[in-house]
């Protein structure tokens, strides 16, 4: 068992094995007995990871041809843009790590921001370039290999930190790319969420082998402080319906497989009326800090703070 990347403990507890929902391979999750950081072990080698990010992966799917889906996706991104606006009286330079097809950066660009992105999946990076035009600097690269040409006023990682092979080193590198007083905004799967308790191993937060780490709230706060970030706010801001439906679909598929009853239940669960019926659950979970994704807004501390 490898040493914990955060607290250096050599002791971890086995949680469960999880099948890749986009494939057939099995992977195991372990929890550090000292700090609670969850990690995948064993995990694919760095050169093997790209094959688990196929076109079927939700972040790479396009919303073309479905105006309702486009509206819904834009609404989710806009909620994040509005949350960020309170910290920025004027636009600046934003770097989105794991920018996928550039949907978030497109809205930021419309708001007057200078936009840059990093996306390791080449087809998605190319779509982002097409979407944003030549004014945007989009690198088709991993964060570890990217050229961070800051200083940036804002760096965002929407559902990205859990994918990185060394999140501690990544936070340190990003801190160095921010101007003093600049902001880091990141969203990660919420281990304390109601969805995690409801769905158990079928919860989308356990997205093996793409999610290499999952972070207890207290542990991530410690990491951010150690890397020079002051936590300004932490709340559940987005992802309720989408995460719930993917988790439910995964649970039904594991229970019923491809039997007709399973397929019918999955189609029924995805119907739009379900979203309205579940709306009180999503709102209560967000208000209680128990939504499926927790968002952290952090300011890079200046020397002497």
Protein backbone atom coordinates (compact mmCIF):
# COMPACT_ATOMS: atom_id res chain seq x y z
CA UNK A 1 0.00 0.00 0.00
CA UNK A 2 1.51 3.38 -1.02
CA UNK A 3 2.14 6.17 1.47
CA UNK A 4 -0.70 8.74 1.69
CA UNK A 5 0.17 11.76 -0.46
CA UNK A 6 -1.10 14.11 2.25
CA UNK A 7 -0.37 12.84 5.77
CA UNK A 8 2.27 10.24 4.79
CA UNK A 9 0.50 7.47 6.67
CA UNK A 10 1.16 3.94 5.48
CA UNK A 11 -2.15 2.58 6.77
CA UNK A 12 -5.37 2.51 4.75
CA UNK A 13 -8.70 0.69 5.02
CA UNK A 14 -10.28 -1.07 2.05
CA UNK A 15 -13.71 0.37 1.21
CA UNK A 16 -15.02 -1.58 -1.80
CA UNK A 17 -14.33 -2.57 -5.38
CA UNK A 18 -16.01 -0.54 -8.14
CA UNK A 19 -16.58 -1.46 -11.77
CA UNK A 20 -15.85 1.13 -14.44
CA UNK A 21 -19.37 2.23 -15.46
CA UNK A 22 -18.13 2.89 -19.02
CA UNK A 23 -16.31 -0.46 -19.25
CA UNK A 24 -15.88 -3.75 -17.43
CA UNK A 25 -12.70 -3.45 -15.38
CA UNK A 26 -12.74 -3.47 -11.56
CA UNK A 27 -10.92 -1.04 -9.26
CA UNK A 28 -10.68 -0.60 -5.49
CA UNK A 29 -11.03 2.41 -3.19
CA UNK A 30 -9.10 2.77 0.07
CA UNK A 31 -9.39 5.32 2.90
CA UNK A 32 -6.34 6.65 4.76
CA UNK A 33 -6.73 5.75 8.43
CA UNK A 34 -5.15 9.01 9.58
CA UNK A 35 -6.52 11.83 7.39
CA UNK A 36 -9.45 10.13 5.62
CA UNK A 37 -8.24 10.86 2.09
CA UNK A 38 -9.72 8.26 -0.28
CA UNK A 39 -7.64 6.93 -3.15
CA UNK A 40 -7.85 4.39 -5.96
CA UNK A 41 -5.42 1.51 -5.62
CA UNK A 42 -4.05 0.13 -7.77
CA UNK A 43 -4.65 2.78 -10.37
CA UNK A 44 -3.89 2.83 -14.09
CA UNK A 45 -0.50 4.12 -15.17
CA UNK A 46 -0.46 7.67 -16.51
CA UNK A 47 -0.14 6.47 -20.10
CA UNK A 48 -3.21 4.22 -19.67
CA UNK A 49 -5.57 6.85 -18.24
CA UNK A 50 -6.60 8.44 -21.58
CA UNK A 51 -8.36 5.27 -22.71
CA UNK A 52 -10.86 5.64 -19.85
CA UNK A 53 -11.96 9.05 -21.15
CA UNK A 54 -14.02 8.02 -24.15
CA UNK A 55 -16.57 9.97 -26.17
CA UNK A 56 -19.24 8.46 -23.89
CA UNK A 57 -17.87 10.42 -20.94
CA UNK A 58 -20.50 13.07 -20.07
CA UNK A 59 -18.13 16.04 -20.00
CA UNK A 60 -17.27 15.51 -23.67
CA UNK A 61 -20.80 15.10 -24.97
CA UNK A 62 -22.17 17.89 -27.10
CA UNK A 63 -25.55 19.52 -26.63
CA UNK A 64 -26.02 20.34 -30.32
CA UNK A 65 -29.48 19.73 -31.74
CA UNK A 66 -31.24 19.84 -28.36
CA UNK A 67 -32.13 23.40 -27.35
CA UNK A 68 -33.50 22.29 -23.98
CA UNK A 69 -30.25 20.52 -23.10
CA UNK A 70 -28.24 23.54 -24.27
CA UNK A 71 -30.35 25.82 -22.10
CA UNK A 72 -29.95 23.53 -19.09
CA UNK A 73 -26.18 23.27 -19.49
CA UNK A 74 -25.80 27.01 -19.90
CA UNK A 75 -27.95 27.59 -16.82
CA UNK A 76 -25.62 25.41 -14.73
CA UNK A 77 -22.53 27.26 -15.94
CA UNK A 78 -24.21 30.63 -15.42
CA UNK A 79 -24.86 29.77 -11.76
CA UNK A 80 -21.10 29.38 -11.28
CA UNK A 81 -20.37 32.61 -13.16
CA UNK A 82 -22.82 34.53 -10.96
CA UNK A 83 -21.29 33.03 -7.81
CA UNK A 84 -17.85 34.21 -8.94
CA UNK A 85 -19.02 37.70 -9.84
CA UNK A 86 -19.28 38.81 -6.21
CA UNK A 87 -15.48 38.52 -5.88
CA UNK A 88 -14.60 40.42 -9.06
CA UNK A 89 -15.71 44.03 -9.62
CA UNK A 90 -14.21 43.84 -13.12
CA UNK A 91 -13.15 41.06 -15.53
CA UNK A 92 -9.62 39.71 -15.53
CA UNK A 93 -7.73 36.70 -16.84
CA UNK A 94 -9.19 33.26 -16.06
CA UNK A 95 -7.62 29.83 -16.52
CA UNK A 96 -10.02 26.88 -16.58
CA UNK A 97 -8.23 23.60 -15.88
CA UNK A 98 -10.06 20.73 -17.55
CA UNK A 99 -12.07 23.10 -19.73
CA UNK A 100 -13.62 20.28 -21.86
CA UNK A 101 -15.45 21.88 -24.81
CA UNK A 102 -15.11 25.44 -23.47
CA UNK A 103 -18.73 26.01 -22.39
CA UNK A 104 -17.77 27.75 -19.12
CA UNK A 105 -15.08 29.85 -20.75
CA UNK A 106 -17.52 30.93 -23.45
CA UNK A 107 -19.74 32.59 -20.83
CA UNK A 108 -16.75 34.17 -19.11
CA UNK A 109 -15.57 35.49 -22.48
CA UNK A 110 -18.99 37.05 -23.04
CA UNK A 111 -18.60 38.76 -19.66
CA UNK A 112 -15.40 40.42 -20.87
CA UNK A 113 -12.83 38.04 -19.40
CA UNK A 114 -9.60 37.05 -21.11
CA UNK A 115 -9.85 33.27 -21.19
CA UNK A 116 -7.35 30.40 -21.19
CA UNK A 117 -7.90 26.67 -20.79
CA UNK A 118 -6.17 23.34 -20.34
CA UNK A 119 -7.80 20.17 -21.68
CA UNK A 120 -5.93 16.86 -22.06
CA UNK A 121 -8.54 15.24 -24.35
CA UNK A 122 -7.57 16.48 -27.86
CA UNK A 123 -11.04 16.39 -29.52
CA UNK A 124 -12.55 18.39 -26.64
CA UNK A 125 -9.66 20.90 -26.72
CA UNK A 126 -10.22 21.38 -30.44
CA UNK A 127 -13.94 22.02 -29.89
CA UNK A 128 -13.04 24.60 -27.25
CA UNK A 129 -10.73 26.38 -29.72
CA UNK A 130 -13.48 26.45 -32.32
CA UNK A 131 -15.99 27.70 -29.78
CA UNK A 132 -13.81 30.45 -28.30
CA UNK A 133 -11.82 31.64 -31.31
CA UNK A 134 -8.21 32.69 -31.61
CA UNK A 135 -8.41 35.05 -28.62
CA UNK A 136 -8.46 32.06 -26.27
CA UNK A 137 -5.32 30.13 -25.36
CA UNK A 138 -6.37 26.47 -25.15
CA UNK A 139 -3.65 23.92 -24.42
CA UNK A 140 -4.26 20.26 -25.23
CA UNK A 141 -2.16 19.04 -22.33
CA UNK A 142 -2.25 17.66 -18.82
CA UNK A 143 -1.87 20.17 -16.02
CA UNK A 144 1.52 18.70 -15.16
CA UNK A 145 2.83 19.39 -18.69
CA UNK A 146 1.02 22.68 -19.35
CA UNK A 147 2.69 26.07 -19.60
CA UNK A 148 1.11 28.24 -16.90
CA UNK A 149 1.67 31.66 -18.38
CA UNK A 150 0.03 33.64 -15.57
CA UNK A 151 -0.28 35.36 -13.29
CA UNK A 152 -4.02 34.73 -13.49
CA UNK A 153 -6.74 36.56 -11.61
CA UNK A 154 -8.86 33.41 -11.37
CA UNK A 155 -8.21 29.68 -11.80
CA UNK A 156 -11.11 27.24 -11.90
CA UNK A 157 -11.23 23.45 -11.60
CA UNK A 158 -14.79 22.24 -12.06
CA UNK A 159 -14.86 18.53 -11.14
CA UNK A 160 -11.15 18.16 -11.95
CA UNK A 161 -9.07 17.86 -8.76
CA UNK A 162 -10.25 14.29 -8.13
CA UNK A 163 -8.88 13.27 -11.55
CA UNK A 164 -5.33 14.48 -10.97
CA UNK A 165 -2.51 12.04 -10.13
CA UNK A 166 -1.12 14.37 -7.44
CA UNK A 167 -3.71 16.93 -6.27
CA UNK A 168 -1.40 18.33 -3.57
CA UNK A 169 1.33 19.16 -6.09
CA UNK A 170 -1.32 20.54 -8.46
CA UNK A 171 -2.67 22.97 -5.84
CA UNK A 172 0.86 24.16 -5.13
CA UNK A 173 1.58 24.76 -8.80
CA UNK A 174 -1.69 26.62 -9.33
CA UNK A 175 -1.01 28.81 -6.30
CA UNK A 176 2.22 29.89 -7.96
CA UNK A 177 0.34 30.81 -11.16
CA UNK A 178 -2.15 33.11 -9.38
CA UNK A 179 -1.49 36.74 -8.65
CA UNK A 180 -1.43 37.68 -4.97
CA UNK A 181 -5.05 38.07 -3.93
CA UNK A 182 -6.26 36.05 -6.93
CA UNK A 183 -8.92 33.40 -6.57
CA UNK A 184 -9.13 29.64 -6.97
CA UNK A 185 -12.58 28.07 -7.44
CA UNK A 186 -12.97 24.31 -7.46
CA UNK A 187 -15.75 21.76 -7.22
CA UNK A 188 -15.19 18.20 -5.97
CA UNK A 189 -17.45 15.23 -5.15
CA UNK A 190 -18.89 15.69 -1.67
CA UNK A 191 -18.17 12.61 0.44
CA UNK A 192 -20.63 13.92 3.04
CA UNK A 193 -23.46 14.26 0.50
CA UNK A 194 -26.88 12.66 0.84
CA UNK A 195 -26.39 11.08 -2.59
CA UNK A 196 -23.23 9.32 -1.37
CA UNK A 197 -25.21 7.80 1.50
CA UNK A 198 -28.25 6.98 -0.65
CA UNK A 199 -26.47 5.29 -3.55
CA UNK A 200 -23.44 3.82 -1.76
CA UNK A 201 -20.90 2.36 -4.22
CA UNK A 202 -23.20 3.35 -7.14
CA UNK A 203 -22.77 7.06 -6.38
CA UNK A 204 -21.20 8.94 -9.29
CA UNK A 205 -18.51 10.27 -6.94
CA UNK A 206 -17.03 6.76 -7.03
CA UNK A 207 -16.28 7.08 -10.74
CA UNK A 208 -13.42 4.57 -10.97
CA UNK A 209 -10.91 4.77 -12.51
CA UNK A 210 -11.35 8.44 -13.47
CA UNK A 211 -11.68 9.64 -9.87
CA UNK A 212 -8.29 8.89 -8.36
CA UNK A 213 -8.95 10.74 -5.07
CA UNK A 214 -11.92 11.83 -2.98
CA UNK A 215 -11.54 14.45 -0.27
CA UNK A 216 -13.12 14.75 3.18
CA UNK A 217 -14.05 18.39 3.68
CA UNK A 218 -11.67 18.89 6.62
CA UNK A 219 -8.75 17.33 4.74
CA UNK A 220 -9.23 19.47 1.63
CA UNK A 221 -9.42 22.59 3.77
CA UNK A 222 -6.06 21.64 5.31
CA UNK A 223 -4.54 21.11 1.85
CA UNK A 224 -5.76 24.49 0.63
CA UNK A 225 -4.42 26.30 3.68
CA UNK A 226 -1.04 24.58 3.39
CA UNK A 227 -0.76 25.68 -0.26
CA UNK A 228 -1.35 29.33 0.67
CA UNK A 229 -5.10 29.64 0.09
CA UNK A 230 -7.55 31.35 2.44
CA UNK A 231 -10.98 29.76 2.21
CA UNK A 232 -13.56 32.48 1.54
CA UNK A 233 -16.67 30.33 1.06
CA UNK A 234 -17.70 26.70 0.66
CA UNK A 235 -21.14 25.56 -0.48
CA UNK A 236 -23.07 23.17 -2.69
CA UNK A 237 -23.79 25.14 -5.82
CA UNK A 238 -24.51 22.82 -8.73
CA UNK A 239 -24.85 19.27 -9.99
CA UNK A 240 -27.90 17.99 -8.09
CA UNK A 241 -30.06 16.58 -10.85
CA UNK A 242 -27.29 15.45 -13.19
CA UNK A 243 -25.34 13.63 -10.48
CA UNK A 244 -28.52 12.04 -9.12
CA UNK A 245 -29.62 10.69 -12.51
CA UNK A 246 -26.20 9.24 -13.37
CA UNK A 247 -25.99 7.61 -9.93
CA UNK A 248 -29.51 6.22 -10.25
CA UNK A 249 -28.81 4.91 -13.74
CA UNK A 250 -25.66 3.21 -12.47
CA UNK A 251 -27.55 1.66 -9.54
CA UNK A 252 -30.32 0.35 -11.80
CA UNK A 253 -27.84 -1.02 -14.31
CA UNK A 254 -25.98 -2.88 -11.58
CA UNK A 255 -29.25 -4.24 -10.18
CA UNK A 256 -31.00 -5.20 -13.42
CA UNK A 257 -28.28 -5.18 -16.09
CA UNK A 258 -29.67 -5.00 -19.62
CA UNK A 259 -32.89 -6.81 -18.79
CA UNK A 260 -36.00 -5.08 -20.23
CA UNK A 261 -37.23 -4.10 -16.75
CA UNK A 262 -33.95 -2.34 -16.05
CA UNK A 263 -33.98 -0.44 -19.33
CA UNK A 264 -37.56 0.73 -18.73
CA UNK A 265 -36.77 1.92 -15.22
CA UNK A 266 -33.72 3.83 -16.43
CA UNK A 267 -35.72 5.56 -19.17
CA UNK A 268 -38.45 6.43 -16.68
CA UNK A 269 -35.93 7.87 -14.21
CA UNK A 270 -34.48 10.14 -16.89
CA UNK A 271 -37.83 11.74 -17.82
CA UNK A 272 -37.94 15.44 -17.09
CA UNK A 273 -40.93 15.33 -14.63
CA UNK A 274 -38.66 13.48 -12.23
CA UNK A 275 -36.54 16.59 -11.93
CA UNK A 276 -39.48 18.63 -10.68
CA UNK A 277 -40.61 15.93 -8.27
CA UNK A 278 -37.10 15.74 -6.79
CA UNK A 279 -36.57 19.52 -6.70
CA UNK A 280 -37.22 19.81 -2.91
CA UNK A 281 -34.61 17.11 -2.24
CA UNK A 282 -31.99 18.94 -4.31
CA UNK A 283 -32.68 22.30 -2.67
CA UNK A 284 -32.61 20.90 0.85
CA UNK A 285 -29.38 19.03 0.13
CA UNK A 286 -27.72 22.20 -1.18
CA UNK A 287 -28.92 24.28 1.78
CA UNK A 288 -27.63 21.67 4.25
CA UNK A 289 -24.24 21.39 2.53
CA UNK A 290 -25.09 17.84 1.48
CA UNK A 291 -25.29 18.27 -2.29
CA UNK A 292 -23.25 15.88 -4.49
CA UNK A 293 -20.59 18.50 -5.32
CA UNK A 294 -19.01 20.95 -2.89
CA UNK A 295 -17.56 24.16 -4.29
CA UNK A 296 -14.69 26.02 -2.64
CA UNK A 297 -13.84 29.69 -3.26
CA UNK A 298 -10.32 30.50 -2.10
CA UNK A 299 -8.09 33.57 -2.20
CA UNK A 300 -4.33 33.28 -2.61
CA UNK A 301 -2.86 34.93 0.45
CA UNK A 302 -0.38 37.73 0.00
CA UNK A 303 3.01 37.69 1.67
CA UNK A 304 2.63 38.70 5.30
CA UNK A 305 -1.07 37.79 5.53
